[in-house]
Amino acid sequence: MTRLNLVLLVAVMASAMYLVRTQYESRRLFAELDRAHAEARKLELENERLQVEKRAQATPLRVEKLAKEQLQMRTATPAITQYVTYADPALTAQPAPEAAPVASGARR
């Protein structure tokens, strides 16, 4: 009977130690999960802030201001605009062909 009690005591102690270890691991993982959720929320807020900043940086007025100040560009007006036309050399070298007579055929 003592041997059975000793075996049962060892089994209960092993079970208790396993339970304590499992609970500790569960709490540790829950704390890690909570930290990961907090980091995800922080990253989402940072992403939203950066998206707003990106939209603010790309406004047409800001781009125009930077172009004028940093690149010394100026607004295009018809007085300073140069127009480029394309002249096909093949068309200017040969005279235009005369129109061919239209063949008359049966009409419906």
N, C-alpha and C. Protein backbone atom coordinates (compact mmCIF):
# COMPACT_ATOMS: atom_id res chain seq x y z
N MET A 1 0.82 -1.17 0.00
CA MET A 1 0.00 0.00 0.00
C MET A 1 0.87 1.26 0.00
N THR A 2 1.96 1.23 0.72
CA THR A 2 2.85 2.38 0.76
C THR A 2 3.46 2.63 -0.61
N ARG A 3 3.76 1.58 -1.29
CA ARG A 3 4.35 1.75 -2.62
C ARG A 3 3.34 2.42 -3.55
N LEU A 4 2.08 2.03 -3.49
CA LEU A 4 1.03 2.63 -4.31
C LEU A 4 0.86 4.11 -3.94
N ASN A 5 0.88 4.41 -2.63
CA ASN A 5 0.76 5.80 -2.20
C ASN A 5 1.94 6.63 -2.71
N LEU A 6 3.12 6.07 -2.67
CA LEU A 6 4.31 6.77 -3.15
C LEU A 6 4.22 7.04 -4.65
N VAL A 7 3.77 6.07 -5.42
CA VAL A 7 3.61 6.24 -6.88
C VAL A 7 2.55 7.30 -7.16
N LEU A 8 1.44 7.26 -6.42
CA LEU A 8 0.38 8.26 -6.61
C LEU A 8 0.87 9.66 -6.23
N LEU A 9 1.66 9.76 -5.15
CA LEU A 9 2.21 11.04 -4.74
C LEU A 9 3.14 11.61 -5.82
N VAL A 10 3.98 10.78 -6.39
CA VAL A 10 4.87 11.22 -7.47
C VAL A 10 4.05 11.65 -8.68
N ALA A 11 2.99 10.92 -9.01
CA ALA A 11 2.15 11.28 -10.15
C ALA A 11 1.44 12.61 -9.91
N VAL A 12 0.92 12.81 -8.69
CA VAL A 12 0.24 14.07 -8.37
C VAL A 12 1.23 15.23 -8.42
N MET A 13 2.43 15.04 -7.88
CA MET A 13 3.45 16.10 -7.90
C MET A 13 3.86 16.44 -9.34
N ALA A 14 4.05 15.43 -10.16
CA ALA A 14 4.41 15.66 -11.57
C ALA A 14 3.29 16.41 -12.28
N SER A 15 2.04 16.01 -12.01
CA SER A 15 0.90 16.68 -12.62
C SER A 15 0.82 18.14 -12.17
N ALA A 16 1.06 18.38 -10.89
CA ALA A 16 1.02 19.75 -10.36
C ALA A 16 2.12 20.60 -10.98
N MET A 17 3.31 20.05 -11.11
CA MET A 17 4.43 20.79 -11.71
C MET A 17 4.13 21.12 -13.18
N TYR A 18 3.54 20.17 -13.89
CA TYR A 18 3.18 20.39 -15.29
C TYR A 18 2.11 21.48 -15.39
N LEU A 19 1.14 21.48 -14.48
CA LEU A 19 0.09 22.48 -14.47
C LEU A 19 0.67 23.87 -14.21
N VAL A 20 1.58 23.98 -13.25
CA VAL A 20 2.22 25.26 -12.95
C VAL A 20 3.01 25.76 -14.17
N ARG A 21 3.74 24.87 -14.79
CA ARG A 21 4.53 25.25 -15.97
C ARG A 21 3.62 25.71 -17.11
N THR A 22 2.53 25.01 -17.32
CA THR A 22 1.59 25.35 -18.39
C THR A 22 0.95 26.71 -18.13
N GLN A 23 0.54 26.98 -16.89
CA GLN A 23 -0.05 28.27 -16.56
C GLN A 23 0.96 29.40 -16.74
N TYR A 24 2.19 29.17 -16.33
CA TYR A 24 3.23 30.19 -16.50
C TYR A 24 3.45 30.49 -17.98
N GLU A 25 3.53 29.44 -18.78
CA GLU A 25 3.74 29.61 -20.22
C GLU A 25 2.55 30.35 -20.85
N SER A 26 1.34 30.02 -20.39
CA SER A 26 0.15 30.69 -20.90
C SER A 26 0.18 32.18 -20.57
N ARG A 27 0.52 32.52 -19.34
CA ARG A 27 0.60 33.94 -18.95
C ARG A 27 1.69 34.67 -19.73
N ARG A 28 2.81 34.01 -19.92
CA ARG A 28 3.91 34.63 -20.67
C ARG A 28 3.50 34.90 -22.12
N LEU A 29 2.83 33.93 -22.73
CA LEU A 29 2.38 34.11 -24.12
C LEU A 29 1.31 35.18 -24.22
N PHE A 30 0.42 35.26 -23.22
CA PHE A 30 -0.61 36.29 -23.24
C PHE A 30 0.02 37.68 -23.13
N ALA A 31 1.03 37.82 -22.28
CA ALA A 31 1.72 39.11 -22.15
C ALA A 31 2.42 39.47 -23.46
N GLU A 32 3.01 38.49 -24.11
CA GLU A 32 3.67 38.74 -25.40
C GLU A 32 2.66 39.13 -26.46
N LEU A 33 1.50 38.48 -26.46
CA LEU A 33 0.44 38.81 -27.40
C LEU A 33 -0.06 40.24 -27.16
N ASP A 34 -0.22 40.61 -25.90
CA ASP A 34 -0.66 41.95 -25.56
C ASP A 34 0.35 43.00 -26.04
N ARG A 35 1.63 42.71 -25.87
CA ARG A 35 2.67 43.64 -26.36
C ARG A 35 2.62 43.74 -27.89
N ALA A 36 2.37 42.62 -28.55
CA ALA A 36 2.30 42.63 -30.02
C ALA A 36 1.10 43.45 -30.49
N HIS A 37 -0.04 43.34 -29.79
CA HIS A 37 -1.21 44.14 -30.16
C HIS A 37 -0.94 45.63 -29.94
N ALA A 38 -0.27 45.96 -28.85
CA ALA A 38 0.07 47.36 -28.59
C ALA A 38 1.00 47.89 -29.67
N GLU A 39 1.97 47.10 -30.07
CA GLU A 39 2.89 47.50 -31.14
C GLU A 39 2.14 47.67 -32.47
N ALA A 40 1.18 46.78 -32.74
CA ALA A 40 0.39 46.89 -33.97
C ALA A 40 -0.43 48.17 -33.97
N ARG A 41 -1.05 48.50 -32.83
CA ARG A 41 -1.82 49.75 -32.75
C ARG A 41 -0.90 50.96 -32.96
N LYS A 42 0.28 50.91 -32.37
CA LYS A 42 1.24 52.01 -32.53
C LYS A 42 1.66 52.16 -34.00
N LEU A 43 1.90 51.03 -34.66
CA LEU A 43 2.31 51.08 -36.07
C LEU A 43 1.17 51.57 -36.96
N GLU A 44 -0.07 51.19 -36.65
CA GLU A 44 -1.21 51.66 -37.43
C GLU A 44 -1.36 53.18 -37.30
N LEU A 45 -1.20 53.70 -36.08
CA LEU A 45 -1.27 55.15 -35.88
C LEU A 45 -0.15 55.86 -36.63
N GLU A 46 1.03 55.30 -36.58
CA GLU A 46 2.17 55.88 -37.30
C GLU A 46 1.92 55.88 -38.82
N ASN A 47 1.34 54.78 -39.31
CA ASN A 47 1.03 54.69 -40.74
C ASN A 47 0.00 55.74 -41.14
N GLU A 48 -1.04 55.90 -40.33
CA GLU A 48 -2.05 56.92 -40.63
C GLU A 48 -1.43 58.32 -40.62
N ARG A 49 -0.56 58.60 -39.65
CA ARG A 49 0.10 59.90 -39.57
C ARG A 49 0.95 60.15 -40.82
N LEU A 50 1.67 59.11 -41.24
CA LEU A 50 2.52 59.25 -42.42
C LEU A 50 1.69 59.43 -43.69
N GLN A 51 0.53 58.77 -43.77
CA GLN A 51 -0.34 58.95 -44.94
C GLN A 51 -0.84 60.39 -45.01
N VAL A 52 -1.23 60.94 -43.86
CA VAL A 52 -1.69 62.33 -43.83
C VAL A 52 -0.55 63.27 -44.23
N GLU A 53 0.63 63.01 -43.70
CA GLU A 53 1.79 63.84 -44.05
C GLU A 53 2.12 63.74 -45.54
N LYS A 54 2.00 62.54 -46.09
CA LYS A 54 2.27 62.35 -47.52
C LYS A 54 1.27 63.14 -48.37
N ARG A 55 -0.02 63.10 -47.97
CA ARG A 55 -1.01 63.86 -48.72
C ARG A 55 -0.74 65.36 -48.61
N ALA A 56 -0.31 65.81 -47.43
CA ALA A 56 -0.02 67.23 -47.25
C ALA A 56 1.19 67.65 -48.07
N GLN A 57 2.18 66.80 -48.19
CA GLN A 57 3.39 67.13 -48.94
C GLN A 57 3.13 67.19 -50.45
N ALA A 58 2.11 66.49 -50.92
CA ALA A 58 1.87 66.40 -52.36
C ALA A 58 0.79 67.35 -52.86
N THR A 59 0.38 68.32 -52.07
CA THR A 59 -0.64 69.25 -52.55
C THR A 59 -0.07 70.09 -53.69
N PRO A 60 -0.90 70.44 -54.66
CA PRO A 60 -0.41 71.20 -55.81
C PRO A 60 0.20 72.55 -55.43
N LEU A 61 -0.36 73.22 -54.44
CA LEU A 61 0.20 74.52 -54.04
C LEU A 61 1.61 74.36 -53.47
N ARG A 62 1.83 73.33 -52.68
CA ARG A 62 3.15 73.11 -52.10
C ARG A 62 4.16 72.75 -53.19
N VAL A 63 3.73 71.91 -54.13
CA VAL A 63 4.63 71.53 -55.23
C VAL A 63 5.00 72.76 -56.05
N GLU A 64 4.02 73.60 -56.33
CA GLU A 64 4.30 74.82 -57.10
C GLU A 64 5.24 75.75 -56.34
N LYS A 65 5.02 75.89 -55.04
CA LYS A 65 5.88 76.74 -54.21
C LYS A 65 7.32 76.23 -54.22
N LEU A 66 7.49 74.92 -54.05
CA LEU A 66 8.84 74.35 -54.07
C LEU A 66 9.50 74.51 -55.43
N ALA A 67 8.71 74.36 -56.50
CA ALA A 67 9.26 74.51 -57.84
C ALA A 67 9.76 75.94 -58.06
N LYS A 68 9.01 76.91 -57.56
CA LYS A 68 9.42 78.31 -57.73
C LYS A 68 10.62 78.65 -56.85
N GLU A 69 10.60 78.20 -55.59
CA GLU A 69 11.65 78.61 -54.65
C GLU A 69 12.95 77.81 -54.83
N GLN A 70 12.85 76.51 -54.88
CA GLN A 70 14.07 75.70 -54.89
C GLN A 70 14.61 75.46 -56.29
N LEU A 71 13.73 75.34 -57.27
CA LEU A 71 14.18 75.05 -58.64
C LEU A 71 14.19 76.29 -59.53
N GLN A 72 13.79 77.43 -58.97
CA GLN A 72 13.73 78.69 -59.71
C GLN A 72 12.90 78.54 -61.00
N MET A 73 11.83 77.82 -60.93
CA MET A 73 10.95 77.67 -62.09
C MET A 73 9.93 78.81 -62.08
N ARG A 74 9.33 79.08 -63.21
CA ARG A 74 8.31 80.11 -63.29
C ARG A 74 7.09 79.56 -64.02
N THR A 75 5.98 80.23 -63.84
CA THR A 75 4.73 79.80 -64.45
C THR A 75 4.80 80.02 -65.96
N ALA A 76 4.33 79.05 -66.70
CA ALA A 76 4.37 79.14 -68.17
C ALA A 76 3.27 80.08 -68.65
N THR A 77 3.65 81.02 -69.50
CA THR A 77 2.69 81.94 -70.12
C THR A 77 2.88 81.83 -71.63
N PRO A 78 1.87 82.24 -72.40
CA PRO A 78 2.02 82.18 -73.86
C PRO A 78 3.18 83.02 -74.38
N ALA A 79 3.57 84.06 -73.65
CA ALA A 79 4.66 84.93 -74.11
C ALA A 79 6.01 84.21 -74.07
N ILE A 80 6.18 83.27 -73.15
CA ILE A 80 7.48 82.60 -73.03
C ILE A 80 7.43 81.15 -73.51
N THR A 81 6.30 80.73 -74.04
CA THR A 81 6.16 79.35 -74.50
C THR A 81 6.68 79.22 -75.92
N GLN A 82 7.48 78.22 -76.16
CA GLN A 82 7.97 77.94 -77.51
C GLN A 82 7.25 76.69 -78.01
N TYR A 83 6.67 76.79 -79.18
CA TYR A 83 5.92 75.68 -79.76
C TYR A 83 6.79 74.97 -80.77
N VAL A 84 6.76 73.67 -80.75
CA VAL A 84 7.56 72.86 -81.66
C VAL A 84 6.59 72.13 -82.58
N THR A 85 6.87 72.19 -83.88
CA THR A 85 6.04 71.47 -84.84
C THR A 85 6.88 70.41 -85.50
N TYR A 86 6.24 69.39 -85.95
CA TYR A 86 6.92 68.27 -86.59
C TYR A 86 6.63 68.33 -88.08
N ALA A 87 7.68 68.43 -88.87
CA ALA A 87 7.52 68.43 -90.32
C ALA A 87 8.13 67.14 -90.84
N ASP A 88 7.32 66.32 -91.48
CA ASP A 88 7.79 65.04 -92.01
C ASP A 88 8.58 65.32 -93.29
N PRO A 89 9.89 64.95 -93.33
CA PRO A 89 10.70 65.24 -94.53
C PRO A 89 10.18 64.52 -95.77
N ALA A 90 9.56 63.39 -95.63
CA ALA A 90 9.05 62.66 -96.79
C ALA A 90 7.91 63.43 -97.45
N LEU A 91 7.11 64.12 -96.66
CA LEU A 91 5.99 64.86 -97.23
C LEU A 91 6.45 66.16 -97.88
N THR A 92 7.47 66.78 -97.38
CA THR A 92 7.92 68.05 -97.95
C THR A 92 8.75 67.86 -99.20
N ALA A 93 9.41 66.72 -99.39
CA ALA A 93 10.29 66.49 -100.53
C ALA A 93 9.50 66.06 -101.77
N GLN A 94 8.41 65.35 -101.63
CA GLN A 94 7.67 64.85 -102.79
C GLN A 94 6.38 65.65 -102.97
N PRO A 95 6.03 65.90 -104.24
CA PRO A 95 4.75 66.58 -104.47
C PRO A 95 3.60 65.64 -104.13
N ALA A 96 2.50 66.21 -103.76
CA ALA A 96 1.33 65.40 -103.39
C ALA A 96 0.80 64.68 -104.62
N PRO A 97 0.49 63.39 -104.54
CA PRO A 97 -0.04 62.65 -105.69
C PRO A 97 -1.44 63.12 -106.03
N GLU A 98 -1.74 63.07 -107.33
CA GLU A 98 -3.07 63.48 -107.77
C GLU A 98 -4.06 62.38 -107.44
N ALA A 99 -5.28 62.76 -107.27
CA ALA A 99 -6.31 61.79 -106.90
C ALA A 99 -6.59 60.89 -108.09
N ALA A 100 -6.68 59.61 -107.86
CA ALA A 100 -6.96 58.63 -108.91
C ALA A 100 -8.44 58.70 -109.26
N PRO A 101 -8.77 58.46 -110.53
CA PRO A 101 -10.20 58.50 -110.91
C PRO A 101 -10.94 57.35 -110.23
N VAL A 102 -12.15 57.63 -109.86
CA VAL A 102 -12.96 56.62 -109.17
C VAL A 102 -13.62 55.76 -110.23
N ALA A 103 -13.47 54.45 -110.09
CA ALA A 103 -14.08 53.52 -111.05
C ALA A 103 -15.56 53.44 -110.78
N SER A 104 -16.32 53.51 -111.84
CA SER A 104 -17.76 53.40 -111.65
C SER A 104 -18.15 51.94 -111.81
N GLY A 105 -18.88 51.47 -110.91
CA GLY A 105 -19.29 50.07 -110.94
C GLY A 105 -20.78 49.98 -110.73
N ALA A 106 -21.26 48.78 -110.63
CA ALA A 106 -22.69 48.57 -110.42
C ALA A 106 -23.06 49.04 -109.02
N ARG A 107 -24.17 49.71 -108.99
CA ARG A 107 -24.66 50.22 -107.70
C ARG A 107 -25.92 49.49 -107.33
N ARG A 108 -26.14 49.36 -106.09
CA ARG A 108 -27.36 48.67 -105.62
C ARG A 108 -28.45 49.64 -105.36
